[in-house]
């Protein structure tokens, strides 16, 4: 008999939720995590009394009441509403594209005026079959919105010109003809009061966890500890890159403590011009309506992933998706390994969908 029922590789949201549900069923779990702390990319670091989202802004949002009740059973969530601002050459615009945005762009005051403006620009562009992301975006929202709010940000995000990016990256663009700055359409959204560590600590309460522990350094030892493995890391690394390496985008953060109470007046400000190297500035205290005397900001720089950096999101273009399917075929044949989360499923997941996947599996 092995020591554990499950070895869970990775203490992020998927691994932690899986461990919690397995423990509820009386299973013996060991969670290992190569970082010095649990939480994965939702880990928060306390700086100047502010919960700093160390790996970028994470706003929990869902329309699934079961998910919302589940996370709130560990920590109460506040009423934070994501309403980002775009800064283009010093001028500010509301996101997502809505009546406030259109008024700032064109001075339009009614939905009909705004619709007419977008329709006119789409017609002038004359694009019937978009061949790249640029043409796709212009065919959806016209040239002004594309030039000011999409092009520079997208090119920084992907490290490629919009004319070189495939159309499917922008299947649709959210356009609202109301004065509503709420980015998400979901029924529920918020931030854990006291930070995401409270959620992770609640999920992992009473479960053995070993941080600073890399599965691949002592793979044979760990594989023999449990009946089944739950793997949340990179699927291509699990298979020793036998079919080739999948591509990821990474994000680098420059975090500063500023000797002022309020730097930008909003948690998220996107910088949409190409000439500014960072994609956005996060001011963390606004996630929890903080009133601390100092503030902490993080500038985010998007880059290609390479060894030593953190893989943040998959590059789901045609080449990578074909390559992933080869790994998935191998994964589907595994009797004692469960692959879960964005890295092992090579998919961008919102947090509520990660939890949903685990809850469905245990049902």
Protein backbone atom coordinates (compact mmCIF):
# COMPACT_ATOMS: atom_id res chain seq x y z
CA UNK A 1 0.00 0.00 0.00
CA UNK A 2 1.35 3.41 -0.97
CA UNK A 3 1.62 6.31 1.46
CA UNK A 4 -0.87 8.52 -0.38
CA UNK A 5 -3.91 8.16 -2.61
CA UNK A 6 -2.99 11.29 -4.54
CA UNK A 7 0.26 13.13 -5.22
CA UNK A 8 -0.76 16.61 -6.37
CA UNK A 9 1.95 18.43 -8.32
CA UNK A 10 1.37 22.17 -7.98
CA UNK A 11 -0.35 24.14 -5.20
CA UNK A 12 -2.20 26.57 -7.44
CA UNK A 13 -5.96 26.88 -7.62
CA UNK A 14 -6.55 23.57 -9.43
CA UNK A 15 -4.23 21.52 -7.22
CA UNK A 16 -5.49 23.11 -3.99
CA UNK A 17 -9.17 22.65 -4.89
CA UNK A 18 -8.54 19.04 -5.92
CA UNK A 19 -6.74 18.33 -2.63
CA UNK A 20 -9.66 19.84 -0.65
CA UNK A 21 -12.30 17.75 -2.45
CA UNK A 22 -10.20 14.57 -2.21
CA UNK A 23 -9.68 15.09 1.54
CA UNK A 24 -13.45 15.49 1.92
CA UNK A 25 -13.75 11.98 0.51
CA UNK A 26 -11.23 10.63 3.02
CA UNK A 27 -8.33 10.42 0.56
CA UNK A 28 -4.71 10.86 1.68
CA UNK A 29 -3.08 13.68 -0.28
CA UNK A 30 0.41 15.10 -0.60
CA UNK A 31 0.77 18.43 -2.40
CA UNK A 32 4.19 19.45 -3.70
CA UNK A 33 5.03 22.91 -5.02
CA UNK A 34 8.31 24.10 -6.54
CA UNK A 35 7.79 27.72 -5.41
CA UNK A 36 8.50 28.60 -1.77
CA UNK A 37 4.78 29.21 -1.14
CA UNK A 38 1.40 27.82 -2.16
CA UNK A 39 -1.16 29.62 -4.29
CA UNK A 40 0.38 29.51 -7.75
CA UNK A 41 -0.30 32.69 -9.69
CA UNK A 42 -2.93 33.96 -7.24
CA UNK A 43 -0.36 34.23 -4.42
CA UNK A 44 -0.41 37.58 -2.63
CA UNK A 45 2.57 39.23 -0.94
CA UNK A 46 1.87 41.69 1.88
CA UNK A 47 3.78 44.94 1.32
CA UNK A 48 3.09 48.04 3.43
CA UNK A 49 -0.11 46.36 4.65
CA UNK A 50 -1.31 45.92 1.04
CA UNK A 51 -2.07 42.52 -0.52
CA UNK A 52 0.03 42.66 -3.68
CA UNK A 53 -1.03 40.30 -6.49
CA UNK A 54 2.49 39.03 -7.15
CA UNK A 55 1.66 37.49 -10.54
CA UNK A 56 -0.72 40.10 -11.87
CA UNK A 57 -4.30 41.17 -11.24
CA UNK A 58 -6.71 38.37 -10.38
CA UNK A 59 -10.38 39.31 -10.13
CA UNK A 60 -12.74 36.46 -9.33
CA UNK A 61 -15.92 36.57 -11.42
CA UNK A 62 -18.57 33.97 -12.15
CA UNK A 63 -22.25 33.49 -12.92
CA UNK A 64 -22.17 30.07 -11.26
CA UNK A 65 -23.70 30.47 -7.78
CA UNK A 66 -22.25 27.13 -6.64
CA UNK A 67 -18.74 28.42 -7.44
CA UNK A 68 -19.41 31.74 -5.70
CA UNK A 69 -20.76 30.05 -2.57
CA UNK A 70 -17.83 27.62 -2.61
CA UNK A 71 -15.09 30.29 -2.54
CA UNK A 72 -17.03 32.41 -0.04
CA UNK A 73 -17.20 29.44 2.33
CA UNK A 74 -13.42 29.90 2.87
CA UNK A 75 -13.13 33.69 2.84
CA UNK A 76 -15.62 36.51 2.36
CA UNK A 77 -15.29 38.31 -0.97
CA UNK A 78 -15.69 42.07 -1.26
CA UNK A 79 -17.72 44.03 -3.85
CA UNK A 80 -14.78 45.02 -6.09
CA UNK A 81 -15.91 45.65 -9.68
CA UNK A 82 -13.34 45.53 -12.47
CA UNK A 83 -13.51 48.83 -14.38
CA UNK A 84 -10.16 49.29 -16.13
CA UNK A 85 -9.00 52.51 -17.76
CA UNK A 86 -7.01 52.80 -21.01
CA UNK A 87 -4.33 55.47 -21.32
CA UNK A 88 -3.45 56.37 -24.91
CA UNK A 89 -0.94 59.22 -25.27
CA UNK A 90 -2.14 60.76 -22.02
CA UNK A 91 -5.86 60.61 -22.79
CA UNK A 92 -8.07 58.29 -20.74
CA UNK A 93 -10.79 55.95 -22.00
CA UNK A 94 -13.12 53.53 -20.20
CA UNK A 95 -12.98 49.79 -20.87
CA UNK A 96 -14.71 47.72 -22.09
CA UNK A 97 -15.80 49.77 -25.11
CA UNK A 98 -18.99 51.54 -24.00
CA UNK A 99 -20.81 54.84 -24.26
CA UNK A 100 -18.23 56.55 -22.05
CA UNK A 101 -15.49 55.35 -24.42
CA UNK A 102 -17.37 56.54 -27.51
CA UNK A 103 -18.04 59.94 -25.94
CA UNK A 104 -14.31 60.36 -25.21
CA UNK A 105 -13.43 59.26 -28.78
CA UNK A 106 -16.05 61.10 -30.82
CA UNK A 107 -18.29 63.14 -28.55
CA UNK A 108 -21.27 60.90 -29.35
CA UNK A 109 -24.04 61.12 -26.75
CA UNK A 110 -26.58 58.50 -27.87
CA UNK A 111 -26.29 54.80 -28.74
CA UNK A 112 -27.57 55.55 -32.25
CA UNK A 113 -24.80 58.11 -32.86
CA UNK A 114 -22.13 55.66 -31.66
CA UNK A 115 -23.52 52.77 -33.72
CA UNK A 116 -23.60 55.01 -36.78
CA UNK A 117 -19.95 56.00 -36.28
CA UNK A 118 -18.78 52.39 -35.95
CA UNK A 119 -20.91 51.27 -38.91
CA UNK A 120 -19.47 54.07 -41.10
CA UNK A 121 -15.87 53.10 -40.23
CA UNK A 122 -16.52 49.41 -40.84
CA UNK A 123 -18.04 50.24 -44.22
CA UNK A 124 -15.11 52.50 -45.18
CA UNK A 125 -12.66 49.69 -44.34
CA UNK A 126 -14.49 47.40 -46.76
CA UNK A 127 -13.14 44.20 -45.18
CA UNK A 128 -15.29 41.17 -46.01
CA UNK A 129 -12.85 38.33 -45.28
CA UNK A 130 -10.33 39.33 -42.59
CA UNK A 131 -6.89 37.77 -43.16
CA UNK A 132 -5.25 38.78 -39.85
CA UNK A 133 -6.03 40.22 -36.43
CA UNK A 134 -5.82 43.82 -37.63
CA UNK A 135 -8.41 43.27 -40.35
CA UNK A 136 -10.60 41.25 -37.99
CA UNK A 137 -10.62 44.02 -35.36
CA UNK A 138 -11.31 46.81 -37.86
CA UNK A 139 -14.12 44.77 -39.41
CA UNK A 140 -15.72 44.48 -35.95
CA UNK A 141 -15.24 47.94 -34.39
CA UNK A 142 -13.75 50.27 -36.99
CA UNK A 143 -10.40 52.02 -37.32
CA UNK A 144 -10.46 54.50 -34.39
CA UNK A 145 -11.06 51.93 -31.64
CA UNK A 146 -8.55 49.59 -33.26
CA UNK A 147 -5.79 52.20 -33.58
CA UNK A 148 -6.24 53.76 -30.14
CA UNK A 149 -7.32 50.90 -27.88
CA UNK A 150 -6.38 47.59 -29.53
CA UNK A 151 -3.31 47.65 -31.77
CA UNK A 152 -0.50 48.76 -29.45
CA UNK A 153 -1.71 46.78 -26.46
CA UNK A 154 -2.19 43.60 -28.50
CA UNK A 155 1.22 43.87 -30.16
CA UNK A 156 2.89 44.27 -26.77
CA UNK A 157 0.87 41.38 -25.35
CA UNK A 158 1.80 38.96 -28.14
CA UNK A 159 5.19 40.35 -29.19
CA UNK A 160 4.04 40.32 -32.82
CA UNK A 161 2.46 42.81 -35.21
CA UNK A 162 -1.32 42.58 -35.51
CA UNK A 163 -0.91 41.94 -39.24
CA UNK A 164 1.03 38.78 -38.32
CA UNK A 165 -1.47 37.50 -35.74
CA UNK A 166 -4.33 35.14 -36.66
CA UNK A 167 -7.93 36.36 -36.73
CA UNK A 168 -9.18 33.85 -34.15
CA UNK A 169 -7.42 35.68 -31.28
CA UNK A 170 -10.20 38.28 -31.56
CA UNK A 171 -13.33 36.30 -32.37
CA UNK A 172 -15.47 39.11 -31.04
CA UNK A 173 -14.95 42.38 -29.17
CA UNK A 174 -17.27 43.43 -26.34
CA UNK A 175 -19.07 46.61 -27.41
CA UNK A 176 -21.72 48.06 -25.09
CA UNK A 177 -24.09 50.83 -25.97
CA UNK A 178 -24.66 51.71 -22.30
CA UNK A 179 -22.70 53.85 -19.83
CA UNK A 180 -21.50 50.76 -17.96
CA UNK A 181 -17.80 50.44 -17.07
CA UNK A 182 -18.10 46.98 -15.47
CA UNK A 183 -15.68 44.83 -17.48
CA UNK A 184 -17.39 41.51 -16.74
CA UNK A 185 -20.94 40.44 -17.47
CA UNK A 186 -20.97 37.87 -14.66
CA UNK A 187 -23.48 37.89 -11.81
CA UNK A 188 -20.82 37.79 -9.09
CA UNK A 189 -17.34 39.32 -8.80
CA UNK A 190 -14.96 40.41 -6.08
CA UNK A 191 -11.66 39.98 -4.28
CA UNK A 192 -11.13 37.92 -1.09
CA UNK A 193 -11.04 40.26 1.91
CA UNK A 194 -7.49 39.84 3.16
CA UNK A 195 -6.17 38.42 -0.12
CA UNK A 196 -6.16 35.15 -2.06
CA UNK A 197 -3.82 33.43 0.39
CA UNK A 198 -6.81 33.06 2.72
CA UNK A 199 -8.64 31.08 0.04
CA UNK A 200 -5.66 28.80 -0.66
CA UNK A 201 -4.91 28.29 3.04
CA UNK A 202 -8.53 27.31 3.60
CA UNK A 203 -8.44 24.80 0.75
CA UNK A 204 -5.18 23.24 1.97
CA UNK A 205 -6.04 23.23 5.68
CA UNK A 206 -5.04 19.88 7.20
CA UNK A 207 -3.33 18.64 4.01
CA UNK A 208 0.39 17.86 3.85
CA UNK A 209 2.19 20.29 1.57
CA UNK A 210 5.88 20.51 0.70
CA UNK A 211 7.03 23.77 -0.89
CA UNK A 212 10.42 24.34 -2.54
CA UNK A 213 9.93 20.84 -3.96
CA UNK A 214 10.40 20.15 -7.67
CA UNK A 215 8.68 17.00 -8.98
CA UNK A 216 11.22 16.64 -11.81
CA UNK A 217 14.28 16.71 -9.54
CA UNK A 218 13.19 13.48 -7.85
CA UNK A 219 10.52 12.18 -10.20
CA UNK A 220 10.89 8.43 -9.60
CA UNK A 221 10.65 8.90 -5.82
CA UNK A 222 7.45 10.97 -6.06
CA UNK A 223 5.81 8.69 -8.62
CA UNK A 224 6.09 5.81 -6.16
CA UNK A 225 4.51 7.70 -3.24
CA UNK A 226 0.88 7.66 -4.40
CA UNK A 227 -1.65 5.58 -6.31
CA UNK A 228 -2.49 8.50 -8.60
CA UNK A 229 -0.83 11.74 -9.69
CA UNK A 230 -2.63 15.03 -10.27
CA UNK A 231 -0.33 17.05 -12.51
CA UNK A 232 -0.89 20.81 -12.97
CA UNK A 233 2.42 21.78 -14.58
CA UNK A 234 3.40 22.04 -18.25
CA UNK A 235 2.19 18.95 -20.10
CA UNK A 236 5.12 19.01 -22.55
CA UNK A 237 7.57 18.99 -19.62
CA UNK A 238 5.77 15.99 -18.08
CA UNK A 239 6.49 14.07 -21.29
CA UNK A 240 10.07 15.40 -21.48
CA UNK A 241 9.21 17.44 -24.60
CA UNK A 242 9.03 14.27 -26.70
CA UNK A 243 6.99 15.94 -29.47
CA UNK A 244 8.62 19.38 -29.12
CA UNK A 245 8.12 22.43 -26.89
CA UNK A 246 4.84 24.26 -26.58
CA UNK A 247 5.05 28.05 -26.62
CA UNK A 248 3.89 30.31 -23.80
CA UNK A 249 3.82 34.02 -23.12
CA UNK A 250 5.31 35.26 -19.89
CA UNK A 251 4.92 38.45 -17.87
CA UNK A 252 7.61 40.35 -15.99
CA UNK A 253 6.67 42.69 -13.14
CA UNK A 254 8.37 45.83 -11.84
CA UNK A 255 6.88 46.51 -8.42
CA UNK A 256 7.48 49.79 -6.57
CA UNK A 257 6.44 51.23 -3.21
CA UNK A 258 5.42 54.88 -3.66
CA UNK A 259 5.32 57.45 -0.90
CA UNK A 260 1.83 58.65 -1.78
CA UNK A 261 -1.63 57.51 -0.81
CA UNK A 262 -3.12 57.18 -4.30
CA UNK A 263 -1.10 56.95 -7.53
CA UNK A 264 -3.62 56.45 -10.35
CA UNK A 265 -7.07 56.29 -8.74
CA UNK A 266 -7.86 52.87 -10.23
CA UNK A 267 -6.63 49.32 -9.77
CA UNK A 268 -5.95 48.73 -13.49
CA UNK A 269 -4.74 51.19 -16.12
CA UNK A 270 -3.82 49.79 -19.55
CA UNK A 271 -1.25 51.62 -21.67
CA UNK A 272 -2.38 51.04 -25.23
CA UNK A 273 0.29 52.87 -27.24
CA UNK A 274 3.10 50.72 -28.64
CA UNK A 275 5.84 53.15 -27.57
CA UNK A 276 5.28 52.56 -23.84
CA UNK A 277 6.94 49.21 -23.11
CA UNK A 278 4.62 47.97 -20.33
CA UNK A 279 1.07 46.84 -20.99
CA UNK A 280 -0.49 48.12 -17.78
CA UNK A 281 0.04 49.45 -14.26
CA UNK A 282 -1.72 47.76 -11.35
CA UNK A 283 -2.28 49.72 -8.12
CA UNK A 284 -2.98 46.90 -5.69
CA UNK A 285 -4.60 48.73 -2.77
CA UNK A 286 -7.68 49.56 -4.86
CA UNK A 287 -8.62 45.86 -5.05
CA UNK A 288 -9.52 46.06 -1.36
CA UNK A 289 -10.39 49.77 -1.14
CA UNK A 290 -7.24 50.40 0.93
CA UNK A 291 -6.45 53.64 2.75
CA UNK A 292 -2.82 52.93 3.70
CA UNK A 293 -0.48 55.97 3.71
CA UNK A 294 1.69 54.45 0.95
CA UNK A 295 0.81 52.61 -2.26
CA UNK A 296 2.28 49.74 -4.27
CA UNK A 297 2.21 49.61 -8.08
CA UNK A 298 3.31 46.95 -10.57
CA UNK A 299 4.22 47.60 -14.19
CA UNK A 300 3.61 44.56 -16.40
CA UNK A 301 5.84 43.66 -19.35
CA UNK A 302 4.76 40.87 -21.69
CA UNK A 303 7.46 38.63 -23.19
CA UNK A 304 8.14 35.27 -24.80
CA UNK A 305 8.52 32.47 -22.29
CA UNK A 306 11.95 30.91 -21.91
CA UNK A 307 13.60 28.61 -19.37
CA UNK A 308 13.77 30.32 -15.99
CA UNK A 309 10.71 32.54 -16.49
CA UNK A 310 7.15 31.70 -15.51
CA UNK A 311 4.78 30.42 -18.24
CA UNK A 312 1.61 32.52 -17.98
CA UNK A 313 -0.63 31.75 -20.90
CA UNK A 314 -0.52 29.46 -23.93
CA UNK A 315 0.04 30.65 -27.47
CA UNK A 316 -3.00 28.91 -28.94
CA UNK A 317 -2.10 29.28 -32.60
CA UNK A 318 -2.44 26.50 -35.13
CA UNK A 319 1.06 25.06 -34.67
CA UNK A 320 0.84 24.89 -30.89
CA UNK A 321 -2.69 23.50 -30.85
CA UNK A 322 -1.68 20.66 -33.19
CA UNK A 323 1.34 19.95 -30.98
CA UNK A 324 -0.80 19.98 -27.83
CA UNK A 325 -3.17 17.41 -29.33
CA UNK A 326 -0.23 15.00 -29.60
CA UNK A 327 0.47 15.41 -25.89
CA UNK A 328 -3.23 15.14 -25.08
CA UNK A 329 -3.44 11.76 -26.82
CA UNK A 330 -0.68 10.50 -24.54
CA UNK A 331 -2.39 12.04 -21.50
CA UNK A 332 -5.72 10.39 -22.37
CA UNK A 333 -4.05 6.97 -22.24
CA UNK A 334 -2.77 7.50 -18.68
CA UNK A 335 -4.68 5.39 -16.17
CA UNK A 336 -3.18 6.92 -13.03
CA UNK A 337 -2.42 10.52 -13.99
CA UNK A 338 -4.93 13.39 -14.01
CA UNK A 339 -3.94 16.54 -15.91
CA UNK A 340 -5.64 19.74 -14.79
CA UNK A 341 -5.29 23.52 -15.02
CA UNK A 342 -4.11 25.95 -17.69
CA UNK A 343 -0.56 24.60 -18.10
CA UNK A 344 -1.38 20.92 -18.38
CA UNK A 345 -4.50 21.51 -20.50
CA UNK A 346 -2.78 24.25 -22.55
CA UNK A 347 -5.78 26.52 -22.19
CA UNK A 348 -6.43 29.97 -20.75
CA UNK A 349 -8.76 29.42 -17.78
CA UNK A 350 -10.53 32.01 -15.65
CA UNK A 351 -10.40 31.13 -11.95
CA UNK A 352 -14.04 30.13 -11.68
CA UNK A 353 -13.61 27.67 -14.57
CA UNK A 354 -10.63 26.04 -12.83
CA UNK A 355 -12.75 25.43 -9.73
CA UNK A 356 -15.70 24.31 -11.87
CA UNK A 357 -13.55 21.66 -13.57
CA UNK A 358 -12.60 20.17 -10.20
CA UNK A 359 -16.14 20.25 -8.78
CA UNK A 360 -17.53 18.55 -11.90
CA UNK A 361 -14.84 15.86 -11.71
CA UNK A 362 -15.76 15.03 -8.10
CA UNK A 363 -19.47 14.90 -8.90
